[in-house]
Amino acid sequence: MDEQGATAEGERLRRWRLVLGADGAEGTGRTLSGRDARIDEAMDSLYGESGPPGRRGTGRTAGLGASAPSVARWLGDIRTYFPSPVVQVMQRDAIDRLGLGALLMEPELLEAVEPDVHLVGTLLSLGKAMPETTRETARKVVRKVVEDLERRLAPRTRTTLTGALDRSARARRPRPRDIDWDRTIRANLGNHLALPGGGSTVVPERLIGYGRADRSLKKEVILCVDQSGSMAASVVHAAVFGAVLASVRALSTRLVVFDTSVVDLTDQLDDPVDVLFGTRLGGGTDINRALAYCQSRITRPADTVVVLVSDLHEGGIRDEMAARAAAMTASGVRLVALLALSDEGTPSYDREHAAMLAALGAPAFACTPDLFPEVMAAALENRPLPVPDTGA
């Protein structure tokens, strides 16, 4: 084997050694040192088999220790050796596998954590169990995630919705730059004028254009969000989008969260962080009660879009929920059903209820944050929703 081949083989064995870890590395013939050894130690602490005495022999466990300082050191190590997306995955695994939620109530540990949507969900689930000394640090972590999401999602959302609202207000005498030529031609196909030498042309006796949305007659949007524990990431994104929608002057936006009770957080929409700390992740699900509340707040059904974000696992009165959804759509409300509002894919959901909503013209599907502006634009313009191929 030439020198180049030997180098490539050595790199291949090095990578396998890091993947397999210390307990499964026989046969690679590789020992690690320096940076590689520290990376291996950080990985083995989470994914290795040499866990605490009470957990040995139960599969791949971990050995971070049960103290905030040791976890903080480990968090510092993984932030040094891995890119941010990998760090976020490892943090989530550490919380899920080792039950480190209680340690997140230590301010020093929170300051060492890489903030992301999943961490926000964990912090919110701690709720009132979080001591006052940690709460302010937790708010800083949540605010950083919210601000990052707003920077990424807000500009495109506002642009998309403003365009949709302008297109939905048709003008009888549009300015030249606002003429919708496709609709104008279709509306005037019966008006022909013969041309000299043969042929004819369409005479646009009636112009149809893109109007400017009437600010005195706003479209109404109600975000109705399931705050059961499985919907944590959706709640975070809904809070951000609620604030963005509330900033669009041509929309009147209401945010409602629910489990077995219903809470209206509309008056907090100017600050998504306040919205998130006003939620209570966990508990049961009563979609019927939530839809009843939303229905009671609708004054102009034909101008209202209700976005139900839920996995549809109803714990309330199932028949009443179906009847209420049918009544809302029959009155002219545009009902949109999102099984999730996150990047996590389609969750477990109630297929019977999803089919029922689809029959009412509200197909239930998982929606990513990047797709949400297009979904809302389609709903506001009363056109078919851009349902992904993987939807229900």
Protein backbone atom coordinates (compact mmCIF):
# COMPACT_ATOMS: atom_id res chain seq x y z
CA MET A 1 0.00 0.00 0.00
CA ASP A 2 1.45 3.40 -1.00
CA GLU A 3 1.73 6.31 1.41
CA GLN A 4 -1.46 7.99 0.20
CA GLY A 5 -3.42 4.76 0.58
CA ALA A 6 -2.03 4.19 4.06
CA THR A 7 -3.07 7.69 5.08
CA ALA A 8 -6.62 7.16 3.78
CA GLU A 9 -6.86 3.79 5.57
CA GLY A 10 -5.64 5.36 8.81
CA GLU A 11 -8.25 8.11 8.58
CA ARG A 12 -10.96 5.52 7.92
CA LEU A 13 -9.96 3.53 11.01
CA ARG A 14 -9.80 6.72 13.08
CA ARG A 15 -13.36 7.60 12.12
CA TRP A 16 -14.59 4.09 12.89
CA ARG A 17 -12.88 4.23 16.27
CA LEU A 18 -14.72 7.47 17.11
CA VAL A 19 -18.03 6.04 15.90
CA LEU A 20 -17.71 2.75 17.80
CA GLY A 21 -16.49 4.24 21.07
CA ALA A 22 -14.15 2.62 23.57
CA ASP A 23 -16.40 -0.37 24.31
CA GLY A 24 -16.81 -1.43 20.69
CA ALA A 25 -13.48 -0.48 19.17
CA GLU A 26 -11.75 -3.87 19.08
CA GLY A 27 -10.42 -4.57 15.63
CA THR A 28 -9.70 -0.99 14.61
CA GLY A 29 -6.25 -1.09 16.14
CA ARG A 30 -6.52 2.61 16.87
CA THR A 31 -5.76 4.48 20.06
CA LEU A 32 -6.82 8.07 20.42
CA SER A 33 -4.92 11.00 21.85
CA GLY A 34 -5.19 14.77 22.10
CA ARG A 35 -8.36 16.29 20.63
CA ASP A 36 -9.67 12.92 19.41
CA ALA A 37 -9.42 11.46 22.92
CA ARG A 38 -11.37 14.40 24.37
CA ILE A 39 -14.06 14.06 21.67
CA ASP A 40 -14.29 10.34 22.44
CA GLU A 41 -14.63 11.01 26.15
CA ALA A 42 -17.44 13.53 25.57
CA MET A 43 -19.30 11.07 23.34
CA ASP A 44 -18.75 8.16 25.73
CA SER A 45 -20.13 10.17 28.65
CA LEU A 46 -23.48 10.32 26.87
CA TYR A 47 -23.61 7.27 24.62
CA GLY A 48 -21.14 4.84 26.24
CA GLU A 49 -22.01 1.66 28.14
CA SER A 50 -20.14 2.45 31.34
CA GLY A 51 -22.89 4.36 33.08
CA PRO A 52 -23.64 4.76 36.76
CA PRO A 53 -23.52 1.49 38.77
CA GLY A 54 -27.29 1.13 38.97
CA ARG A 55 -27.62 1.31 35.20
CA ARG A 56 -24.81 -0.94 33.95
CA GLY A 57 -25.87 -3.86 31.86
CA THR A 58 -29.03 -2.07 30.65
CA GLY A 59 -27.63 -1.04 27.29
CA ARG A 60 -26.01 2.20 26.24
CA THR A 61 -26.18 4.52 29.22
CA ALA A 62 -24.11 7.49 30.25
CA GLY A 63 -21.76 8.85 32.85
CA LEU A 64 -22.12 12.60 33.12
CA GLY A 65 -22.57 12.46 36.86
CA ALA A 66 -25.43 13.96 38.81
CA SER A 67 -24.03 17.42 39.45
CA ALA A 68 -24.45 20.68 37.61
CA PRO A 69 -20.67 21.41 37.48
CA SER A 70 -19.85 18.12 35.73
CA VAL A 71 -22.68 18.61 33.23
CA ALA A 72 -21.59 22.21 32.63
CA ARG A 73 -18.05 21.02 31.85
CA TRP A 74 -19.44 18.43 29.45
CA LEU A 75 -21.60 21.08 27.75
CA GLY A 76 -18.50 23.24 27.33
CA ASP A 77 -16.62 20.32 25.79
CA ILE A 78 -19.25 19.45 23.20
CA ARG A 79 -19.60 23.11 22.20
CA THR A 80 -15.83 23.14 21.61
CA TYR A 81 -15.70 19.99 19.49
CA PHE A 82 -19.00 19.92 17.59
CA PRO A 83 -21.02 22.36 15.42
CA SER A 84 -24.13 23.94 16.90
CA PRO A 85 -26.73 21.59 15.26
CA VAL A 86 -24.87 18.55 16.65
CA VAL A 87 -24.61 20.17 20.08
CA GLN A 88 -28.37 20.67 20.14
CA VAL A 89 -29.00 17.01 19.31
CA MET A 90 -26.59 15.84 22.04
CA GLN A 91 -28.20 18.16 24.60
CA ARG A 92 -31.62 16.80 23.75
CA ASP A 93 -30.34 13.23 24.06
CA ALA A 94 -28.79 14.03 27.44
CA ILE A 95 -32.08 15.45 28.73
CA ASP A 96 -34.14 12.54 27.38
CA ARG A 97 -31.75 9.71 28.33
CA LEU A 98 -30.48 10.93 31.67
CA GLY A 99 -33.36 12.93 33.07
CA LEU A 100 -31.31 16.11 33.34
CA GLY A 101 -34.39 18.33 33.40
CA ALA A 102 -33.99 18.92 37.13
CA LEU A 103 -30.41 20.09 36.63
CA LEU A 104 -31.63 22.72 34.17
CA MET A 105 -32.98 24.56 37.20
CA GLU A 106 -29.37 25.55 38.00
CA PRO A 107 -28.63 29.05 36.57
CA GLU A 108 -24.94 28.23 36.00
CA LEU A 109 -25.88 25.20 33.91
CA LEU A 110 -28.45 27.10 31.84
CA GLU A 111 -25.83 29.66 30.91
CA ALA A 112 -23.67 26.87 29.42
CA VAL A 113 -26.45 25.34 27.33
CA GLU A 114 -26.83 25.89 23.57
CA PRO A 115 -30.34 27.38 23.25
CA ASP A 116 -32.76 25.72 20.83
CA VAL A 117 -36.48 25.02 20.43
CA HIS A 118 -36.31 21.68 22.24
CA LEU A 119 -34.57 23.22 25.24
CA VAL A 120 -37.28 25.90 25.41
CA GLY A 121 -39.90 23.14 25.48
CA THR A 122 -38.08 21.44 28.36
CA LEU A 123 -37.83 24.69 30.33
CA LEU A 124 -41.51 25.47 29.81
CA SER A 125 -42.48 21.97 30.94
CA LEU A 126 -40.71 22.60 34.26
CA GLY A 127 -43.23 25.37 34.88
CA LYS A 128 -43.71 26.36 38.50
CA ALA A 129 -41.17 23.77 39.63
CA MET A 130 -38.44 26.12 38.41
CA PRO A 131 -37.03 28.16 41.33
CA GLU A 132 -37.18 31.95 41.15
CA THR A 133 -33.36 32.14 41.04
CA THR A 134 -33.40 30.27 37.71
CA ARG A 135 -36.42 31.89 36.12
CA GLU A 136 -34.65 35.02 34.86
CA THR A 137 -31.86 32.95 33.30
CA ALA A 138 -34.49 30.73 31.69
CA ARG A 139 -36.21 33.80 30.22
CA LYS A 140 -32.90 34.88 28.66
CA VAL A 141 -32.49 31.44 27.08
CA VAL A 142 -36.06 31.49 25.75
CA ARG A 143 -35.69 35.06 24.46
CA LYS A 144 -32.56 34.16 22.49
CA VAL A 145 -34.37 31.30 20.75
CA VAL A 146 -37.42 33.48 20.06
CA GLU A 147 -35.30 36.30 18.60
CA ASP A 148 -33.43 33.86 16.37
CA LEU A 149 -36.74 32.45 15.08
CA GLU A 150 -38.15 35.93 14.50
CA ARG A 151 -35.11 36.97 12.48
CA ARG A 152 -35.47 33.90 10.29
CA LEU A 153 -39.24 33.76 9.89
CA ALA A 154 -40.72 37.25 10.30
CA PRO A 155 -39.61 39.07 7.10
CA ARG A 156 -40.86 36.41 4.69
CA THR A 157 -44.07 35.91 6.65
CA ARG A 158 -44.94 39.62 6.58
CA THR A 159 -44.11 39.92 2.87
CA THR A 160 -46.13 36.82 1.92
CA LEU A 161 -49.19 37.77 3.96
CA THR A 162 -49.20 41.40 2.88
CA GLY A 163 -49.21 40.28 -0.75
CA ALA A 164 -52.02 37.80 -0.08
CA LEU A 165 -54.13 40.42 1.67
CA ASP A 166 -53.62 42.92 -1.15
CA ARG A 167 -54.60 40.32 -3.76
CA SER A 168 -57.70 39.33 -1.79
CA ALA A 169 -59.11 42.88 -1.98
CA ARG A 170 -60.20 43.23 -5.63
CA ALA A 171 -60.54 46.77 -7.00
CA ARG A 172 -63.21 47.82 -9.51
CA ARG A 173 -61.03 50.56 -11.03
CA PRO A 174 -57.47 49.37 -10.47
CA ARG A 175 -54.47 51.46 -11.27
CA PRO A 176 -52.50 50.14 -14.30
CA ARG A 177 -49.85 48.52 -12.11
CA ASP A 178 -52.56 46.76 -10.06
CA ILE A 179 -54.44 45.13 -12.97
CA ASP A 180 -54.73 41.35 -12.71
CA TRP A 181 -54.53 40.56 -16.42
CA ASP A 182 -55.28 36.83 -16.10
CA ARG A 183 -58.58 37.45 -14.31
CA THR A 184 -59.41 40.46 -16.49
CA ILE A 185 -59.02 38.45 -19.73
CA ARG A 186 -61.07 35.53 -18.39
CA ALA A 187 -63.84 37.92 -17.30
CA ASN A 188 -64.00 39.53 -20.74
CA LEU A 189 -63.71 36.52 -23.07
CA GLY A 190 -67.23 37.24 -24.39
CA ASN A 191 -66.29 40.76 -25.51
CA HIS A 192 -64.69 40.47 -28.96
CA LEU A 193 -63.74 43.18 -31.45
CA ALA A 194 -63.09 42.21 -35.05
CA LEU A 195 -59.79 43.42 -36.45
CA PRO A 196 -59.19 44.68 -40.01
CA GLY A 197 -57.89 41.85 -42.15
CA GLY A 198 -59.37 39.14 -39.95
CA GLY A 199 -58.98 37.97 -36.41
CA SER A 200 -60.31 39.55 -33.25
CA THR A 201 -59.21 40.82 -29.88
CA VAL A 202 -60.69 40.83 -26.40
CA VAL A 203 -62.05 44.17 -25.24
CA PRO A 204 -61.59 44.54 -21.46
CA GLU A 205 -64.83 46.33 -20.58
CA ARG A 206 -64.34 45.41 -16.91
CA LEU A 207 -60.90 45.56 -15.29
CA ILE A 208 -60.09 43.36 -12.32
CA GLY A 209 -57.12 44.29 -10.19
CA TYR A 210 -55.18 43.74 -7.04
CA GLY A 211 -56.58 46.18 -4.50
CA ARG A 212 -55.02 47.46 -1.33
CA ALA A 213 -56.53 45.71 1.67
CA ASP A 214 -59.13 47.81 3.41
CA ARG A 215 -57.60 48.55 6.80
CA SER A 216 -61.03 49.21 8.31
CA LEU A 217 -62.19 45.65 7.51
CA LYS A 218 -59.47 43.36 8.75
CA LYS A 219 -59.19 39.66 8.17
CA GLU A 220 -59.39 37.77 11.45
CA VAL A 221 -56.98 34.96 12.37
CA ILE A 222 -57.34 32.72 15.42
CA LEU A 223 -54.42 30.49 16.32
CA CYS A 224 -55.80 27.69 18.50
CA VAL A 225 -52.83 25.74 19.87
CA ASP A 226 -52.75 22.45 21.75
CA GLN A 227 -50.31 22.80 24.67
CA SER A 228 -50.11 19.12 25.60
CA GLY A 229 -46.58 17.90 26.24
CA SER A 230 -46.06 16.39 22.78
CA MET A 231 -46.70 19.78 21.14
CA ALA A 232 -43.85 21.72 22.78
CA ALA A 233 -42.02 22.74 19.58
CA SER A 234 -45.33 23.70 17.94
CA VAL A 235 -46.19 25.96 20.89
CA VAL A 236 -42.85 27.78 20.55
CA HIS A 237 -43.30 28.40 16.83
CA ALA A 238 -46.96 29.38 17.28
CA ALA A 239 -45.97 32.05 19.81
CA VAL A 240 -43.48 33.54 17.35
CA PHE A 241 -45.89 33.44 14.42
CA GLY A 242 -48.65 34.88 16.59
CA ALA A 243 -46.49 37.92 17.32
CA VAL A 244 -45.62 38.29 13.63
CA LEU A 245 -49.26 38.04 12.52
CA ALA A 246 -50.27 40.55 15.18
CA SER A 247 -47.80 43.02 13.64
CA VAL A 248 -49.59 42.90 10.25
CA ARG A 249 -52.05 45.80 10.36
CA ALA A 250 -54.56 44.20 7.99
CA LEU A 251 -54.98 41.23 10.34
CA SER A 252 -56.74 40.94 13.68
CA THR A 253 -54.94 38.08 15.42
CA ARG A 254 -55.98 36.06 18.46
CA LEU A 255 -53.86 33.37 20.16
CA VAL A 256 -55.61 30.69 22.22
CA VAL A 257 -53.83 27.79 23.95
CA PHE A 258 -55.58 24.83 25.49
CA ASP A 259 -55.31 21.51 27.28
CA THR A 260 -58.42 20.63 29.28
CA SER A 261 -58.92 24.35 29.85
CA VAL A 262 -58.61 27.31 27.50
CA VAL A 263 -56.39 30.37 27.93
CA ASP A 264 -56.54 33.45 25.68
CA LEU A 265 -53.04 34.99 25.40
CA THR A 266 -53.92 37.63 22.81
CA ASP A 267 -53.05 40.54 25.11
CA GLN A 268 -49.47 39.22 25.38
CA LEU A 269 -48.80 38.88 21.65
CA ASP A 270 -46.43 41.85 21.62
CA ASP A 271 -43.89 39.66 23.45
CA PRO A 272 -43.67 35.96 22.49
CA VAL A 273 -41.58 35.25 25.58
CA ASP A 274 -44.47 36.35 27.80
CA VAL A 275 -46.75 34.16 25.70
CA LEU A 276 -44.54 31.12 26.21
CA PHE A 277 -44.30 31.63 29.95
CA GLY A 278 -48.08 31.94 29.98
CA THR A 279 -48.46 28.41 28.62
CA ARG A 280 -48.58 25.22 30.66
CA LEU A 281 -47.15 22.28 28.75
CA GLY A 282 -48.62 18.89 29.63
CA GLY A 283 -52.02 17.71 30.73
CA GLY A 284 -54.98 16.47 28.71
CA THR A 285 -56.63 17.72 25.54
CA ASP A 286 -60.15 19.15 25.04
CA ILE A 287 -60.35 20.34 21.44
CA ASN A 288 -64.13 20.70 21.62
CA ARG A 289 -63.88 23.22 24.45
CA ALA A 290 -61.16 25.15 22.61
CA LEU A 291 -63.18 25.33 19.38
CA ALA A 292 -66.23 26.42 21.37
CA TYR A 293 -64.24 29.34 22.77
CA CYS A 294 -62.92 30.29 19.34
CA GLN A 295 -66.42 30.07 17.87
CA SER A 296 -67.71 32.47 20.52
CA ARG A 297 -65.14 35.08 19.43
CA ILE A 298 -65.96 34.98 15.70
CA THR A 299 -67.99 37.95 14.47
CA ARG A 300 -67.39 37.76 10.69
CA PRO A 301 -67.13 34.08 9.69
CA ALA A 302 -66.44 34.73 6.00
CA ASP A 303 -63.42 36.85 6.93
CA THR A 304 -62.04 34.51 9.59
CA VAL A 305 -59.31 31.86 9.45
CA VAL A 306 -59.02 29.46 12.41
CA VAL A 307 -55.72 27.56 12.60
CA LEU A 308 -56.02 24.51 14.85
CA VAL A 309 -52.56 23.21 15.83
CA SER A 310 -53.08 19.81 17.44
CA ASP A 311 -52.36 16.10 17.05
CA LEU A 312 -56.17 15.70 17.28
CA HIS A 313 -56.10 13.22 20.17
CA GLU A 314 -59.35 14.47 21.68
CA GLY A 315 -60.03 13.90 25.36
CA GLY A 316 -63.27 15.86 25.38
CA ILE A 317 -66.59 15.11 23.68
CA ARG A 318 -65.63 13.72 20.27
CA ASP A 319 -69.01 14.02 18.55
CA GLU A 320 -69.44 17.60 19.72
CA MET A 321 -65.99 18.49 18.43
CA ALA A 322 -66.86 17.13 14.98
CA ALA A 323 -70.21 18.92 14.96
CA ARG A 324 -68.61 22.19 16.05
CA ALA A 325 -65.93 21.99 13.34
CA ALA A 326 -68.66 21.31 10.76
CA ALA A 327 -70.73 24.28 11.98
CA MET A 328 -67.73 26.60 11.76
CA THR A 329 -66.90 25.65 8.18
CA ALA A 330 -70.57 25.80 7.17
CA SER A 331 -70.76 29.38 8.46
CA GLY A 332 -67.90 30.40 6.15
CA VAL A 333 -64.93 30.10 8.51
CA ARG A 334 -61.74 28.81 6.85
CA LEU A 335 -60.51 26.04 9.15
CA VAL A 336 -56.86 24.97 8.87
CA ALA A 337 -55.69 21.88 10.79
CA LEU A 338 -51.97 21.50 11.47
CA LEU A 339 -50.85 18.29 13.18
CA ALA A 340 -47.61 20.06 14.08
CA LEU A 341 -45.96 23.43 13.49
CA SER A 342 -42.33 22.39 13.68
CA ASP A 343 -39.43 20.79 11.81
CA GLU A 344 -39.98 17.44 13.55
CA GLY A 345 -42.26 15.84 10.96
CA THR A 346 -45.72 14.36 11.44
CA PRO A 347 -46.39 13.27 15.04
CA SER A 348 -48.68 10.49 16.18
CA TYR A 349 -52.21 11.74 15.52
CA ASP A 350 -55.85 10.68 15.48
CA ARG A 351 -56.49 9.54 11.90
CA GLU A 352 -60.27 9.39 12.32
CA HIS A 353 -60.43 13.05 13.28
CA ALA A 354 -57.98 13.97 10.52
CA ALA A 355 -60.25 12.27 7.97
CA MET A 356 -63.28 14.06 9.40
CA LEU A 357 -61.61 17.46 9.03
CA ALA A 358 -60.43 16.63 5.52
CA ALA A 359 -64.04 15.87 4.56
CA LEU A 360 -64.92 19.39 5.75
CA GLY A 361 -62.27 20.90 3.47
CA ALA A 362 -59.59 21.19 6.17
CA PRO A 363 -56.90 18.60 5.38
CA ALA A 364 -54.79 17.87 8.47
CA PHE A 365 -51.03 17.87 7.88
CA ALA A 366 -47.76 18.63 9.60
CA CYS A 367 -46.46 22.08 8.65
CA THR A 368 -42.87 23.29 8.89
CA PRO A 369 -42.21 26.87 10.00
CA ASP A 370 -40.89 27.68 6.50
CA LEU A 371 -44.15 26.50 4.89
CA PHE A 372 -46.46 28.29 7.32
CA PRO A 373 -46.48 31.69 5.50
CA GLU A 374 -47.64 29.98 2.29
CA VAL A 375 -50.33 28.07 4.18
CA MET A 376 -51.64 31.28 5.74
CA ALA A 377 -51.53 33.13 2.40
CA ALA A 378 -53.58 30.38 0.75
CA ALA A 379 -56.09 30.39 3.62
CA LEU A 380 -56.51 34.17 3.50
CA GLU A 381 -57.05 34.07 -0.27
CA ASN A 382 -59.44 31.11 0.09
CA ARG A 383 -57.50 28.89 -2.30
CA PRO A 384 -56.28 25.30 -1.87
CA LEU A 385 -53.69 24.82 0.83
CA PRO A 386 -50.14 23.76 -0.15
CA VAL A 387 -50.42 20.37 1.57
CA PRO A 388 -47.08 18.48 1.59
CA ASP A 389 -46.99 15.03 -0.02
CA THR A 390 -46.37 13.50 3.41
CA GLY A 391 -49.58 15.02 4.89
CA ALA A 392 -52.59 13.12 6.14
